[in-house]
Structure formats: C-alpha cells, structure tokens
Amino acid sequence: MASWNKYNLGIYKLKIENRNHKVSKLKTGDTITTKSKLIPLYVHHGIIEIKDEEIFIVHLHPDKVNSSGGNLIKEPLKNWLNSGREIVSVESTNLDSKALKQLYLDLKEEKFDNINYNCEHFVNFAKGDYFISRQVIKYTTILLIGAFVYYLIRNKKI
C-alpha cells in the first residue's frame, strides 16, 4: 500500500512540475485550454495576459460577474489553476495587450451562455476564427443522434 501512495505522490508531483513548466513559457495572447472543473467531458478556454510580471487569464465564467455586469473575467492564473485545473493545451496567437484590452472593452457587458456564448466562442472570436464552439456542436450532434436512435427503437423501425 505504501508503494502505491508513493506512486500517486510521484505522478501528482510530475503533473505539478509539468504544469509549472507550461506556465513559465506562457506569453500574452496565448490561448490556454484546461479540463473543465464543472463538467468532466468539457474543456475550458481562456487567453493569457501578462502584466507587471503577473500572469492573468481572460475568460468567460458563468458564475462570476465583472463591474459591467457581464461574465468576461480577468483573474490571476495561479489562483485559477490552484483550484485543480489541468492544462490540456496552449496555442500561440498574434494577440497583444492592446488587442486584449480592446476586446475586453468591447465584450465586457456580454453574458455567458452555454450554447451561444461560452468560453470557446470567446477565444475563437478573439483569434479571428469562426464564432463557434466545437464542444457545443459535438455534444449537440451526439444528443441528436441519441434522440434519433431512441425514436427508431421506440417506433420499432430498427
């Protein structure tokens, strides 16, 4: 049993060291994807901004409200990651502090919506991509296929 605990502790330490290494390489404008804390199958997206040597994440959060009443939040990355989030990926973009500030000013009043305006919509929009959420498309497709199969089974079509 003791070796199992050592193994788990070693894996945990390796994950922390790996996360710290990824964080040390971040720069303003990088997009970061982490495992979602609320829904295990989802991921969460945000954009990094470094200001006065502190690293922040700019992201949409359904439970937090900014001073303008919207859900676009800028918070210290270390506080946000310390709640147990695991970094899945980091992607470089050409966004700079000026562009992030303008983006924040333009979108600070917008409210989070799981289907139409979530963290993935925000990051894709900021990168100049299509205003879509691939997660929403994926899970909606799965739901529709499931409903269709249920319909076929229920009506004895298959």
Protein backbone atom coordinates (compact mmCIF):
# COMPACT_ATOMS: atom_id res chain seq x y z
CA MET A 1 0.00 0.00 0.00
CA ALA A 2 2.87 2.38 0.84
CA SER A 3 4.40 1.99 -2.64
CA TRP A 4 1.02 2.79 -4.21
CA ASN A 5 0.90 6.06 -2.25
CA LYS A 6 4.48 6.88 -3.31
CA TYR A 7 3.47 6.22 -6.91
CA ASN A 8 0.43 8.51 -6.67
CA LEU A 9 2.52 11.20 -5.00
CA GLY A 10 5.14 10.90 -7.75
CA ILE A 11 2.54 11.23 -10.50
CA TYR A 12 0.98 14.24 -8.75
CA LYS A 13 4.39 15.90 -8.37
CA LEU A 14 5.17 15.26 -12.05
CA LYS A 15 1.85 16.83 -13.09
CA ILE A 16 2.58 19.93 -10.97
CA GLU A 17 6.10 20.25 -12.40
CA ASN A 18 4.77 19.86 -15.94
CA ARG A 19 2.07 22.49 -15.29
CA ASN A 20 4.64 24.88 -13.80
CA HIS A 21 6.86 24.39 -16.86
CA LYS A 22 3.96 25.17 -19.21
CA VAL A 23 3.02 28.25 -17.16
CA SER A 24 6.63 29.52 -17.25
CA LYS A 25 6.52 29.50 -21.08
CA LEU A 26 3.24 31.44 -21.41
CA LYS A 27 3.11 34.85 -23.07
CA THR A 28 0.44 37.47 -23.67
CA GLY A 29 -2.05 36.35 -26.27
CA ASP A 30 -1.56 32.62 -25.78
CA THR A 31 -4.79 30.69 -25.57
CA ILE A 32 -4.98 28.11 -22.83
CA THR A 33 -7.26 25.10 -22.65
CA THR A 34 -7.85 23.30 -19.36
CA LYS A 35 -10.06 20.49 -18.21
CA SER A 36 -13.37 21.88 -17.01
CA LYS A 37 -13.95 21.82 -13.30
CA LEU A 38 -17.74 21.63 -13.61
CA ILE A 39 -18.31 19.14 -16.43
CA PRO A 40 -15.68 16.38 -16.83
CA LEU A 41 -16.13 15.92 -20.60
CA TYR A 42 -15.73 19.60 -21.40
CA VAL A 43 -12.67 21.82 -21.55
CA HIS A 44 -12.37 25.49 -20.62
CA HIS A 45 -10.71 28.17 -22.77
CA GLY A 46 -9.08 31.46 -21.91
CA ILE A 47 -6.48 33.96 -23.12
CA ILE A 48 -3.29 34.81 -21.26
CA GLU A 49 -2.23 38.36 -20.45
CA ILE A 50 0.99 39.14 -18.65
CA LYS A 51 1.04 42.48 -16.86
CA ASP A 52 3.73 43.63 -14.42
CA GLU A 53 5.18 40.11 -14.40
CA GLU A 54 1.89 38.61 -13.18
CA ILE A 55 0.05 36.14 -15.41
CA PHE A 56 -3.71 36.60 -15.84
CA ILE A 57 -6.36 34.62 -17.66
CA VAL A 58 -9.11 36.45 -19.52
CA HIS A 59 -12.10 34.16 -19.90
CA LEU A 60 -15.85 33.80 -19.62
CA HIS A 61 -17.07 32.45 -16.31
CA PRO A 62 -20.76 31.59 -15.78
CA ASP A 63 -20.66 32.24 -12.02
CA LYS A 64 -18.62 35.45 -11.89
CA VAL A 65 -19.74 38.94 -12.89
CA ASN A 66 -17.46 41.83 -13.79
CA SER A 67 -18.09 45.50 -12.91
CA SER A 68 -20.12 45.98 -16.12
CA GLY A 69 -22.49 43.10 -15.37
CA GLY A 70 -21.00 40.70 -17.93
CA ASN A 71 -19.18 37.42 -17.40
CA LEU A 72 -15.86 38.25 -19.09
CA ILE A 73 -13.36 38.00 -16.23
CA LYS A 74 -9.66 38.73 -15.84
CA GLU A 75 -8.11 36.93 -12.88
CA PRO A 76 -4.68 35.71 -11.76
CA LEU A 77 -3.85 32.44 -13.48
CA LYS A 78 -2.19 30.95 -10.40
CA ASN A 79 -5.37 31.33 -8.32
CA TRP A 80 -7.44 29.86 -11.11
CA LEU A 81 -5.14 26.86 -11.69
CA ASN A 82 -4.74 26.18 -7.97
CA SER A 83 -8.34 25.03 -7.84
CA GLY A 84 -7.21 21.79 -9.51
CA ARG A 85 -7.45 22.54 -13.22
CA GLU A 86 -5.15 20.64 -15.56
CA ILE A 87 -3.70 22.37 -18.64
CA VAL A 88 -4.62 20.46 -21.79
CA SER A 89 -3.03 22.72 -24.40
CA VAL A 90 -1.52 26.13 -25.11
CA GLU A 91 -1.66 27.83 -28.50
CA SER A 92 0.23 30.95 -29.56
CA THR A 93 -1.68 33.76 -31.26
CA ASN A 94 -0.83 37.23 -32.52
CA LEU A 95 -2.94 38.94 -29.84
CA ASP A 96 -1.16 41.60 -27.80
CA SER A 97 -2.11 43.56 -24.65
CA LYS A 98 -3.66 46.36 -26.70
CA ALA A 99 -5.88 43.95 -28.63
CA LEU A 100 -6.87 42.15 -25.41
CA LYS A 101 -7.78 45.43 -23.73
CA GLN A 102 -9.97 46.45 -26.69
CA LEU A 103 -11.56 43.01 -26.78
CA TYR A 104 -12.35 43.26 -23.08
CA LEU A 105 -13.86 46.74 -23.50
CA ASP A 106 -16.00 45.56 -26.43
CA LEU A 107 -17.28 42.38 -24.75
CA LYS A 108 -17.31 43.16 -21.01
CA GLU A 109 -21.11 43.54 -20.88
CA GLU A 110 -21.86 40.25 -22.62
CA LYS A 111 -23.37 37.42 -20.58
CA PHE A 112 -22.19 33.81 -20.62
CA ASP A 113 -24.47 31.38 -22.43
CA ASN A 114 -23.67 27.65 -22.64
CA ILE A 115 -24.92 27.33 -26.21
CA ASN A 116 -24.41 30.74 -27.86
CA TYR A 117 -21.58 32.50 -25.99
CA ASN A 118 -19.27 30.35 -23.91
CA CYS A 119 -15.53 30.43 -23.29
CA GLU A 120 -14.76 28.65 -26.56
CA HIS A 121 -16.84 31.14 -28.57
CA PHE A 122 -14.90 33.97 -26.91
CA VAL A 123 -11.45 32.52 -27.62
CA ASN A 124 -12.31 31.61 -31.21
CA PHE A 125 -13.71 35.10 -31.80
CA ALA A 126 -10.56 36.69 -30.30
CA LYS A 127 -8.34 34.60 -32.60
CA GLY A 128 -10.36 35.69 -35.64
CA ASP A 129 -11.83 32.22 -36.07
CA TYR A 130 -15.45 31.38 -36.62
CA PHE A 131 -17.74 32.30 -33.72
CA ILE A 132 -18.46 28.68 -32.85
CA SER A 133 -17.96 26.19 -30.08
CA ARG A 134 -16.84 22.80 -31.33
CA GLN A 135 -17.85 21.30 -27.98
CA VAL A 136 -21.42 22.52 -28.39
CA ILE A 137 -21.54 21.12 -31.93
CA LYS A 138 -20.08 17.78 -30.82
CA TYR A 139 -22.41 17.23 -27.88
CA THR A 140 -25.47 18.53 -29.72
CA THR A 141 -24.73 16.07 -32.55
CA ILE A 142 -24.38 13.22 -30.05
CA LEU A 143 -27.64 14.23 -28.39
CA LEU A 144 -29.49 14.38 -31.73
CA ILE A 145 -28.15 11.00 -32.83
CA GLY A 146 -29.19 9.53 -29.48
CA ALA A 147 -32.68 11.02 -29.80
CA PHE A 148 -32.98 9.68 -33.35
CA VAL A 149 -31.89 6.17 -32.32
CA TYR A 150 -34.33 6.30 -29.40
CA TYR A 151 -37.10 7.32 -31.83
CA LEU A 152 -36.24 4.43 -34.16
CA ILE A 153 -36.18 1.91 -31.33
CA ARG A 154 -39.37 3.25 -29.75
CA ASN A 155 -41.24 3.06 -33.07
CA LYS A 156 -39.77 -0.34 -33.90
CA LYS A 157 -38.05 0.93 -37.01
CA ILE A 158 -34.85 -0.91 -36.14
